[in-house]
Amino acid sequence: MKVLGILNFLCLLFSLSFATDAGQTLVERKHFDLETLKQHINDAKVQFEDIDLRDAVNVNAYMDRVTELLREEILIEGLDNIALPDGNLGFNMSFWPFGRVFGGVKLYNGFLKGVETISRVGDAMLSVESKTINLESLLGINDASMGYSLSVTFLDFGPRGSMNGKMEYAHLYLKAKLDISSRIIQIETLDVTEIGHISTDIKGLGIFNWLAEQISNLAINLFKGVFTQLIEGPIKTILNNILCSLIPHAS
């Protein structure tokens, strides 16, 4: 006989996307409050029998609901448009009649967009240990983009331009563990495991077009650093709060 904690949790997993009017109400709202969400779920009357831990379809439905709420919260918190840090690049070149002359490139007004496209990739997995339930899922972000304004300084003059980039995809690995007795869930891992190809387009360099590759590399490195911090910081916190709010607690 399964313990009550497992039954309550699995019952929630396999019915949340289908069985409650509360879920439909939340989708229609522009904002959601975690305490209100928790109360909706605690009040929902769910029927179940013969729940199978291997029922991947229903685990997937649960994760899809989680990521749906996550996308909503990303928009609410303004994390769909994140500022990127400024960057600087030094260079030197031969310039007659001055000889070797030093210059620089400044990247500014940077932005990162598209994190709100996060969704499940492949099947989510659920497993039970002696006193814990493990939830694992691969998440994906598609078509995130970045951009910078740029200026080149060389002998007190230089062009101004812009660069835009697009990330084909990024994969994140999620592992969360639920303690059955305390009904506390905690994300153990939310890591960026793979970042796909990032294409860039730079305009306005003129005679300094030979700097394009170095500028792209600098911008991509700044982008990757902020992207990783965003996922492993604020996004992880929001996701953990959502998972906690979806666990039925004793009244």
C-alpha atoms as a PDB file:
ATOM      1  CA  MET A   1       0.000   0.000   0.000  1.00  0.00           C
ATOM      2  CA  LYS A   2       1.461   3.342  -1.016  1.00  0.00           C
ATOM      3  CA  VAL A   3       1.874   5.949   1.702  1.00  0.00           C
ATOM      4  CA  LEU A   4      -0.494   8.903   1.700  1.00  0.00           C
ATOM      5  CA  GLY A   5       2.177  11.380   0.620  1.00  0.00           C
ATOM      6  CA  ILE A   6       2.888   9.480  -2.602  1.00  0.00           C
ATOM      7  CA  LEU A   7      -0.800   9.091  -3.413  1.00  0.00           C
ATOM      8  CA  ASN A   8      -1.506  12.771  -2.890  1.00  0.00           C
ATOM      9  CA  PHE A   9       1.445  13.831  -4.995  1.00  0.00           C
ATOM     10  CA  LEU A  10       0.821  11.418  -7.843  1.00  0.00           C
ATOM     11  CA  CYS A  11      -2.858  12.213  -7.761  1.00  0.00           C
ATOM     12  CA  LEU A  12      -1.942  15.837  -8.297  1.00  0.00           C
ATOM     13  CA  LEU A  13       0.537  15.058 -11.062  1.00  0.00           C
ATOM     14  CA  PHE A  14      -1.862  13.014 -13.111  1.00  0.00           C
ATOM     15  CA  SER A  15      -4.902  15.231 -12.827  1.00  0.00           C
ATOM     16  CA  LEU A  16      -3.785  18.838 -12.571  1.00  0.00           C
ATOM     17  CA  SER A  17      -3.895  19.599 -16.274  1.00  0.00           C
ATOM     18  CA  PHE A  18      -7.298  18.012 -16.798  1.00  0.00           C
ATOM     19  CA  ALA A  19      -9.500  17.845 -13.726  1.00  0.00           C
ATOM     20  CA  THR A  20      -9.867  21.225 -12.029  1.00  0.00           C
ATOM     21  CA  ASP A  21     -11.698  24.386 -12.923  1.00  0.00           C
ATOM     22  CA  ALA A  22      -9.082  26.201 -10.882  1.00  0.00           C
ATOM     23  CA  GLY A  23      -6.456  25.383 -13.489  1.00  0.00           C
ATOM     24  CA  GLN A  24      -8.537  26.945 -16.263  1.00  0.00           C
ATOM     25  CA  THR A  25      -9.152  30.058 -14.166  1.00  0.00           C
ATOM     26  CA  LEU A  26      -5.442  30.529 -13.592  1.00  0.00           C
ATOM     27  CA  VAL A  27      -4.622  30.262 -17.281  1.00  0.00           C
ATOM     28  CA  GLU A  28      -7.036  33.116 -18.021  1.00  0.00           C
ATOM     29  CA  ARG A  29      -5.512  35.403 -15.386  1.00  0.00           C
ATOM     30  CA  LYS A  30      -2.656  37.723 -16.279  1.00  0.00           C
ATOM     31  CA  HIS A  31      -1.100  37.282 -12.836  1.00  0.00           C
ATOM     32  CA  PHE A  32      -1.120  34.458 -10.348  1.00  0.00           C
ATOM     33  CA  ASP A  33      -0.394  34.393  -6.655  1.00  0.00           C
ATOM     34  CA  LEU A  34       1.360  31.329  -5.281  1.00  0.00           C
ATOM     35  CA  GLU A  35      -0.740  31.225  -2.107  1.00  0.00           C
ATOM     36  CA  THR A  36      -3.959  31.465  -4.133  1.00  0.00           C
ATOM     37  CA  LEU A  37      -2.667  28.783  -6.463  1.00  0.00           C
ATOM     38  CA  LYS A  38      -1.898  26.537  -3.499  1.00  0.00           C
ATOM     39  CA  GLN A  39      -5.392  27.026  -2.083  1.00  0.00           C
ATOM     40  CA  HIS A  40      -7.012  26.209  -5.427  1.00  0.00           C
ATOM     41  CA  ILE A  41      -5.109  22.941  -5.583  1.00  0.00           C
ATOM     42  CA  ASN A  42      -5.754  22.009  -1.949  1.00  0.00           C
ATOM     43  CA  ASP A  43      -9.467  22.594  -2.508  1.00  0.00           C
ATOM     44  CA  ALA A  44      -9.633  20.582  -5.722  1.00  0.00           C
ATOM     45  CA  LYS A  45     -11.368  17.199  -5.448  1.00  0.00           C
ATOM     46  CA  VAL A  46      -9.432  14.661  -7.476  1.00  0.00           C
ATOM     47  CA  GLN A  47     -10.372  11.035  -8.053  1.00  0.00           C
ATOM     48  CA  PHE A  48      -7.743   8.388  -8.731  1.00  0.00           C
ATOM     49  CA  GLU A  49      -7.159   4.634  -8.822  1.00  0.00           C
ATOM     50  CA  ASP A  50      -4.298   2.365  -9.820  1.00  0.00           C
ATOM     51  CA  ILE A  51      -1.841   5.191 -10.495  1.00  0.00           C
ATOM     52  CA  ASP A  52       1.228   3.922 -12.314  1.00  0.00           C
ATOM     53  CA  LEU A  53       4.559   5.645 -11.725  1.00  0.00           C
ATOM     54  CA  ARG A  54       5.529   4.741 -15.285  1.00  0.00           C
ATOM     55  CA  ASP A  55       2.668   6.719 -16.788  1.00  0.00           C
ATOM     56  CA  ALA A  56       4.910   9.139 -18.711  1.00  0.00           C
ATOM     57  CA  VAL A  57       2.014  10.840 -20.486  1.00  0.00           C
ATOM     58  CA  ASN A  58       0.587  12.149 -17.228  1.00  0.00           C
ATOM     59  CA  VAL A  59       3.985  13.136 -15.825  1.00  0.00           C
ATOM     60  CA  ASN A  60       4.525  15.068 -19.043  1.00  0.00           C
ATOM     61  CA  ALA A  61       1.164  16.792 -18.596  1.00  0.00           C
ATOM     62  CA  TYR A  62       2.226  17.841 -15.107  1.00  0.00           C
ATOM     63  CA  MET A  63       5.538  19.267 -16.361  1.00  0.00           C
ATOM     64  CA  ASP A  64       3.737  21.078 -19.166  1.00  0.00           C
ATOM     65  CA  ARG A  65       1.518  22.735 -16.551  1.00  0.00           C
ATOM     66  CA  VAL A  66       4.574  23.668 -14.484  1.00  0.00           C
ATOM     67  CA  THR A  67       6.335  25.252 -17.462  1.00  0.00           C
ATOM     68  CA  GLU A  68       3.124  27.049 -18.448  1.00  0.00           C
ATOM     69  CA  LEU A  69       3.051  28.724 -15.033  1.00  0.00           C
ATOM     70  CA  LEU A  70       6.781  29.381 -15.296  1.00  0.00           C
ATOM     71  CA  ARG A  71       6.353  31.182 -18.625  1.00  0.00           C
ATOM     72  CA  GLU A  72       3.606  33.344 -17.120  1.00  0.00           C
ATOM     73  CA  GLU A  73       5.792  34.295 -14.161  1.00  0.00           C
ATOM     74  CA  ILE A  74       8.800  35.073 -16.375  1.00  0.00           C
ATOM     75  CA  LEU A  75       6.648  37.629 -18.198  1.00  0.00           C
ATOM     76  CA  ILE A  76       5.277  39.046 -14.934  1.00  0.00           C
ATOM     77  CA  GLU A  77       8.780  39.507 -13.515  1.00  0.00           C
ATOM     78  CA  GLY A  78      10.104  41.064 -16.724  1.00  0.00           C
ATOM     79  CA  LEU A  79      12.659  38.317 -17.224  1.00  0.00           C
ATOM     80  CA  ASP A  80      11.744  38.062 -20.906  1.00  0.00           C
ATOM     81  CA  ASN A  81      13.937  41.121 -21.567  1.00  0.00           C
ATOM     82  CA  ILE A  82      17.176  41.213 -19.566  1.00  0.00           C
ATOM     83  CA  ALA A  83      19.930  43.816 -19.843  1.00  0.00           C
ATOM     84  CA  LEU A  84      23.364  42.514 -20.819  1.00  0.00           C
ATOM     85  CA  PRO A  85      26.518  44.084 -19.358  1.00  0.00           C
ATOM     86  CA  ASP A  86      28.628  46.493 -21.386  1.00  0.00           C
ATOM     87  CA  GLY A  87      31.751  45.116 -22.998  1.00  0.00           C
ATOM     88  CA  ASN A  88      35.037  46.556 -24.246  1.00  0.00           C
ATOM     89  CA  LEU A  89      37.505  45.284 -26.793  1.00  0.00           C
ATOM     90  CA  GLY A  90      40.946  46.751 -27.530  1.00  0.00           C
ATOM     91  CA  PHE A  91      42.784  46.427 -30.825  1.00  0.00           C
ATOM     92  CA  ASN A  92      45.680  47.896 -32.760  1.00  0.00           C
ATOM     93  CA  MET A  93      46.391  48.313 -36.455  1.00  0.00           C
ATOM     94  CA  SER A  94      48.909  49.893 -38.780  1.00  0.00           C
ATOM     95  CA  PHE A  95      47.744  53.296 -39.993  1.00  0.00           C
ATOM     96  CA  TRP A  96      49.995  55.362 -42.247  1.00  0.00           C
ATOM     97  CA  PRO A  97      51.634  57.709 -41.422  1.00  0.00           C
ATOM     98  CA  PHE A  98      51.094  57.098 -37.692  1.00  0.00           C
ATOM     99  CA  GLY A  99      52.435  53.549 -37.581  1.00  0.00           C
ATOM    100  CA  ARG A 100      50.783  51.139 -35.130  1.00  0.00           C
ATOM    101  CA  VAL A 101      47.728  52.789 -33.587  1.00  0.00           C
ATOM    102  CA  PHE A 102      45.523  51.494 -30.760  1.00  0.00           C
ATOM    103  CA  GLY A 103      41.747  51.647 -30.734  1.00  0.00           C
ATOM    104  CA  GLY A 104      38.771  50.160 -28.963  1.00  0.00           C
ATOM    105  CA  VAL A 105      35.254  48.861 -29.382  1.00  0.00           C
ATOM    106  CA  LYS A 106      32.490  49.427 -26.826  1.00  0.00           C
ATOM    107  CA  LEU A 107      29.365  47.280 -26.615  1.00  0.00           C
ATOM    108  CA  TYR A 108      26.423  48.876 -24.798  1.00  0.00           C
ATOM    109  CA  ASN A 109      22.597  48.796 -24.512  1.00  0.00           C
ATOM    110  CA  GLY A 110      22.712  45.002 -24.594  1.00  0.00           C
ATOM    111  CA  PHE A 111      19.607  42.840 -24.183  1.00  0.00           C
ATOM    112  CA  LEU A 112      18.640  39.185 -23.871  1.00  0.00           C
ATOM    113  CA  LYS A 113      15.156  38.055 -24.944  1.00  0.00           C
ATOM    114  CA  GLY A 114      13.292  34.777 -25.380  1.00  0.00           C
ATOM    115  CA  VAL A 115      13.652  32.966 -22.041  1.00  0.00           C
ATOM    116  CA  GLU A 116       9.833  32.853 -21.875  1.00  0.00           C
ATOM    117  CA  THR A 117       9.875  30.151 -24.594  1.00  0.00           C
ATOM    118  CA  ILE A 118      10.928  27.548 -22.006  1.00  0.00           C
ATOM    119  CA  SER A 119       9.102  24.224 -22.312  1.00  0.00           C
ATOM    120  CA  ARG A 120       9.529  20.497 -21.759  1.00  0.00           C
ATOM    121  CA  VAL A 121      11.794  18.511 -24.100  1.00  0.00           C
ATOM    122  CA  GLY A 122      11.214  14.749 -24.298  1.00  0.00           C
ATOM    123  CA  ASP A 123       9.586  12.729 -21.528  1.00  0.00           C
ATOM    124  CA  ALA A 124       9.713  13.776 -17.888  1.00  0.00           C
ATOM    125  CA  MET A 125      10.555  10.998 -15.422  1.00  0.00           C
ATOM    126  CA  LEU A 126       9.262  10.138 -11.967  1.00  0.00           C
ATOM    127  CA  SER A 127      10.909   7.678  -9.571  1.00  0.00           C
ATOM    128  CA  VAL A 128      10.381   6.698  -5.928  1.00  0.00           C
ATOM    129  CA  GLU A 129      13.075   6.012  -3.373  1.00  0.00           C
ATOM    130  CA  SER A 130      12.441   4.953   0.229  1.00  0.00           C
ATOM    131  CA  LYS A 131      11.272   8.340   1.490  1.00  0.00           C
ATOM    132  CA  THR A 132      11.518  10.579  -1.549  1.00  0.00           C
ATOM    133  CA  ILE A 133      10.028  11.112  -4.999  1.00  0.00           C
ATOM    134  CA  ASN A 134      12.364  12.283  -7.759  1.00  0.00           C
ATOM    135  CA  LEU A 135      11.187  14.360 -10.706  1.00  0.00           C
ATOM    136  CA  GLU A 136      13.510  14.786 -13.689  1.00  0.00           C
ATOM    137  CA  SER A 137      12.941  16.627 -16.936  1.00  0.00           C
ATOM    138  CA  LEU A 138      14.840  18.190 -19.796  1.00  0.00           C
ATOM    139  CA  LEU A 139      13.697  21.733 -20.562  1.00  0.00           C
ATOM    140  CA  GLY A 140      14.370  23.758 -23.676  1.00  0.00           C
ATOM    141  CA  ILE A 141      14.505  27.408 -24.711  1.00  0.00           C
ATOM    142  CA  ASN A 142      14.147  28.107 -28.430  1.00  0.00           C
ATOM    143  CA  ASP A 143      15.099  31.141 -30.491  1.00  0.00           C
ATOM    144  CA  ALA A 144      16.388  33.360 -27.702  1.00  0.00           C
ATOM    145  CA  SER A 145      17.957  36.532 -29.050  1.00  0.00           C
ATOM    146  CA  MET A 146      20.425  39.191 -28.003  1.00  0.00           C
ATOM    147  CA  GLY A 147      21.580  42.545 -29.276  1.00  0.00           C
ATOM    148  CA  TYR A 148      24.070  45.346 -28.667  1.00  0.00           C
ATOM    149  CA  SER A 149      24.795  48.840 -29.861  1.00  0.00           C
ATOM    150  CA  LEU A 150      28.482  49.316 -30.573  1.00  0.00           C
ATOM    151  CA  SER A 151      30.954  52.107 -31.217  1.00  0.00           C
ATOM    152  CA  VAL A 152      34.521  52.006 -32.496  1.00  0.00           C
ATOM    153  CA  THR A 153      37.077  54.542 -31.295  1.00  0.00           C
ATOM    154  CA  PHE A 154      40.184  55.047 -33.441  1.00  0.00           C
ATOM    155  CA  LEU A 155      42.198  58.266 -33.527  1.00  0.00           C
ATOM    156  CA  ASP A 156      39.266  60.002 -31.837  1.00  0.00           C
ATOM    157  CA  PHE A 157      36.808  58.935 -34.511  1.00  0.00           C
ATOM    158  CA  GLY A 158      35.040  55.762 -35.520  1.00  0.00           C
ATOM    159  CA  PRO A 159      31.751  54.330 -36.732  1.00  0.00           C
ATOM    160  CA  ARG A 160      28.730  53.330 -34.697  1.00  0.00           C
ATOM    161  CA  GLY A 161      26.883  50.139 -35.430  1.00  0.00           C
ATOM    162  CA  SER A 162      24.827  47.334 -33.974  1.00  0.00           C
ATOM    163  CA  MET A 163      24.940  43.601 -33.551  1.00  0.00           C
ATOM    164  CA  ASN A 164      22.144  41.075 -33.253  1.00  0.00           C
ATOM    165  CA  GLY A 165      22.393  37.422 -32.401  1.00  0.00           C
ATOM    166  CA  LYS A 166      20.077  34.442 -32.198  1.00  0.00           C
ATOM    167  CA  MET A 167      20.535  31.297 -30.122  1.00  0.00           C
ATOM    168  CA  GLU A 168      19.145  28.240 -31.884  1.00  0.00           C
ATOM    169  CA  TYR A 169      18.302  26.481 -28.607  1.00  0.00           C
ATOM    170  CA  ALA A 170      19.421  25.780 -25.057  1.00  0.00           C
ATOM    171  CA  HIS A 171      18.773  22.655 -22.988  1.00  0.00           C
ATOM    172  CA  LEU A 172      18.408  22.646 -19.216  1.00  0.00           C
ATOM    173  CA  TYR A 173      18.395  19.645 -16.895  1.00  0.00           C
ATOM    174  CA  LEU A 174      15.940  19.746 -13.982  1.00  0.00           C
ATOM    175  CA  LYS A 175      15.964  17.405 -11.012  1.00  0.00           C
ATOM    176  CA  ALA A 176      13.681  17.983  -8.033  1.00  0.00           C
ATOM    177  CA  LYS A 177      13.252  15.839  -4.930  1.00  0.00           C
ATOM    178  CA  LEU A 178      10.110  15.609  -2.791  1.00  0.00           C
ATOM    179  CA  ASP A 179      10.418  14.494   0.823  1.00  0.00           C
ATOM    180  CA  ILE A 180       7.316  12.347   1.382  1.00  0.00           C
ATOM    181  CA  SER A 181       6.999  12.887   5.127  1.00  0.00           C
ATOM    182  CA  SER A 182       7.469  16.670   5.136  1.00  0.00           C
ATOM    183  CA  ARG A 183       5.927  17.238   1.673  1.00  0.00           C
ATOM    184  CA  ILE A 184       8.745  19.658   0.910  1.00  0.00           C
ATOM    185  CA  ILE A 185      10.066  19.711  -2.636  1.00  0.00           C
ATOM    186  CA  GLN A 186      13.447  21.152  -3.515  1.00  0.00           C
ATOM    187  CA  ILE A 187      15.203  21.580  -6.840  1.00  0.00           C
ATOM    188  CA  GLU A 188      18.546  19.828  -6.587  1.00  0.00           C
ATOM    189  CA  THR A 189      19.722  20.687 -10.100  1.00  0.00           C
ATOM    190  CA  LEU A 190      18.787  23.201 -12.772  1.00  0.00           C
ATOM    191  CA  ASP A 191      21.772  23.452 -15.068  1.00  0.00           C
ATOM    192  CA  VAL A 192      22.373  24.648 -18.605  1.00  0.00           C
ATOM    193  CA  THR A 193      23.599  21.461 -20.275  1.00  0.00           C
ATOM    194  CA  GLU A 194      23.838  22.596 -23.901  1.00  0.00           C
ATOM    195  CA  ILE A 195      23.678  25.817 -25.882  1.00  0.00           C
ATOM    196  CA  GLY A 196      23.097  25.515 -29.614  1.00  0.00           C
ATOM    197  CA  HIS A 197      24.634  27.582 -32.381  1.00  0.00           C
ATOM    198  CA  ILE A 198      24.487  31.359 -31.923  1.00  0.00           C
ATOM    199  CA  SER A 199      24.391  33.287 -35.184  1.00  0.00           C
ATOM    200  CA  THR A 200      25.348  36.972 -35.258  1.00  0.00           C
ATOM    201  CA  ASP A 201      24.902  39.880 -37.630  1.00  0.00           C
ATOM    202  CA  ILE A 202      26.969  43.049 -37.228  1.00  0.00           C
ATOM    203  CA  LYS A 203      26.267  46.238 -39.127  1.00  0.00           C
ATOM    204  CA  GLY A 204      28.027  49.589 -39.407  1.00  0.00           C
ATOM    205  CA  LEU A 205      31.691  48.608 -38.940  1.00  0.00           C
ATOM    206  CA  GLY A 206      32.872  49.946 -42.304  1.00  0.00           C
ATOM    207  CA  ILE A 207      36.640  49.613 -42.640  1.00  0.00           C
ATOM    208  CA  PHE A 208      36.716  47.872 -39.244  1.00  0.00           C
ATOM    209  CA  ASN A 209      34.738  44.880 -40.492  1.00  0.00           C
ATOM    210  CA  TRP A 210      37.747  42.693 -39.722  1.00  0.00           C
ATOM    211  CA  LEU A 211      36.830  43.112 -36.036  1.00  0.00           C
ATOM    212  CA  ALA A 212      33.474  41.364 -36.505  1.00  0.00           C
ATOM    213  CA  GLU A 213      34.583  37.934 -35.248  1.00  0.00           C
ATOM    214  CA  GLN A 214      36.198  39.331 -32.098  1.00  0.00           C
ATOM    215  CA  ILE A 215      33.135  41.465 -31.382  1.00  0.00           C
ATOM    216  CA  SER A 216      30.854  38.451 -31.869  1.00  0.00           C
ATOM    217  CA  ASN A 217      32.930  36.323 -29.515  1.00  0.00           C
ATOM    218  CA  LEU A 218      32.879  39.029 -26.833  1.00  0.00           C
ATOM    219  CA  ALA A 219      29.105  39.509 -27.117  1.00  0.00           C
ATOM    220  CA  ILE A 220      28.409  35.765 -27.075  1.00  0.00           C
ATOM    221  CA  ASN A 221      30.531  35.268 -23.950  1.00  0.00           C
ATOM    222  CA  LEU A 222      28.703  38.107 -22.179  1.00  0.00           C
ATOM    223  CA  PHE A 223      25.393  36.618 -23.295  1.00  0.00           C
ATOM    224  CA  LYS A 224      26.236  33.093 -22.113  1.00  0.00           C
ATOM    225  CA  GLY A 225      27.354  34.340 -18.696  1.00  0.00           C
ATOM    226  CA  VAL A 226      24.142  36.273 -18.058  1.00  0.00           C
ATOM    227  CA  PHE A 227      21.988  33.474 -19.497  1.00  0.00           C
ATOM    228  CA  THR A 228      23.522  30.885 -17.158  1.00  0.00           C
ATOM    229  CA  GLN A 229      23.167  33.177 -14.121  1.00  0.00           C
ATOM    230  CA  LEU A 230      19.536  33.864 -15.038  1.00  0.00           C
ATOM    231  CA  ILE A 231      18.666  30.172 -15.283  1.00  0.00           C
ATOM    232  CA  GLU A 232      20.532  29.077 -12.160  1.00  0.00           C
ATOM    233  CA  GLY A 233      19.339  32.105 -10.157  1.00  0.00           C
ATOM    234  CA  PRO A 234      15.926  33.787 -10.613  1.00  0.00           C
ATOM    235  CA  ILE A 235      14.448  31.130 -12.936  1.00  0.00           C
ATOM    236  CA  LYS A 236      15.417  28.346 -10.533  1.00  0.00           C
ATOM    237  CA  THR A 237      13.869  30.230  -7.609  1.00  0.00           C
ATOM    238  CA  ILE A 238      10.591  30.846  -9.451  1.00  0.00           C
ATOM    239  CA  LEU A 239      10.420  27.236 -10.634  1.00  0.00           C
ATOM    240  CA  ASN A 240      11.003  25.910  -7.113  1.00  0.00           C
ATOM    241  CA  ASN A 241       8.227  28.149  -5.768  1.00  0.00           C
ATOM    242  CA  ILE A 242       5.837  26.842  -8.424  1.00  0.00           C
ATOM    243  CA  LEU A 243       6.679  23.218  -7.629  1.00  0.00           C
ATOM    244  CA  CYS A 244       6.177  23.872  -3.914  1.00  0.00           C
ATOM    245  CA  SER A 245       2.826  25.536  -4.546  1.00  0.00           C
ATOM    246  CA  LEU A 246       1.598  22.475  -6.448  1.00  0.00           C
ATOM    247  CA  ILE A 247       2.176  20.075  -3.542  1.00  0.00           C
ATOM    248  CA  PRO A 248      -0.980  19.378  -1.493  1.00  0.00           C
ATOM    249  CA  HIS A 249      -0.281  20.094   2.176  1.00  0.00           C
ATOM    250  CA  ALA A 250      -2.209  18.959   5.180  1.00  0.00           C
ATOM    251  CA  SER A 251      -4.678  21.601   6.354  1.00  0.00           C
END
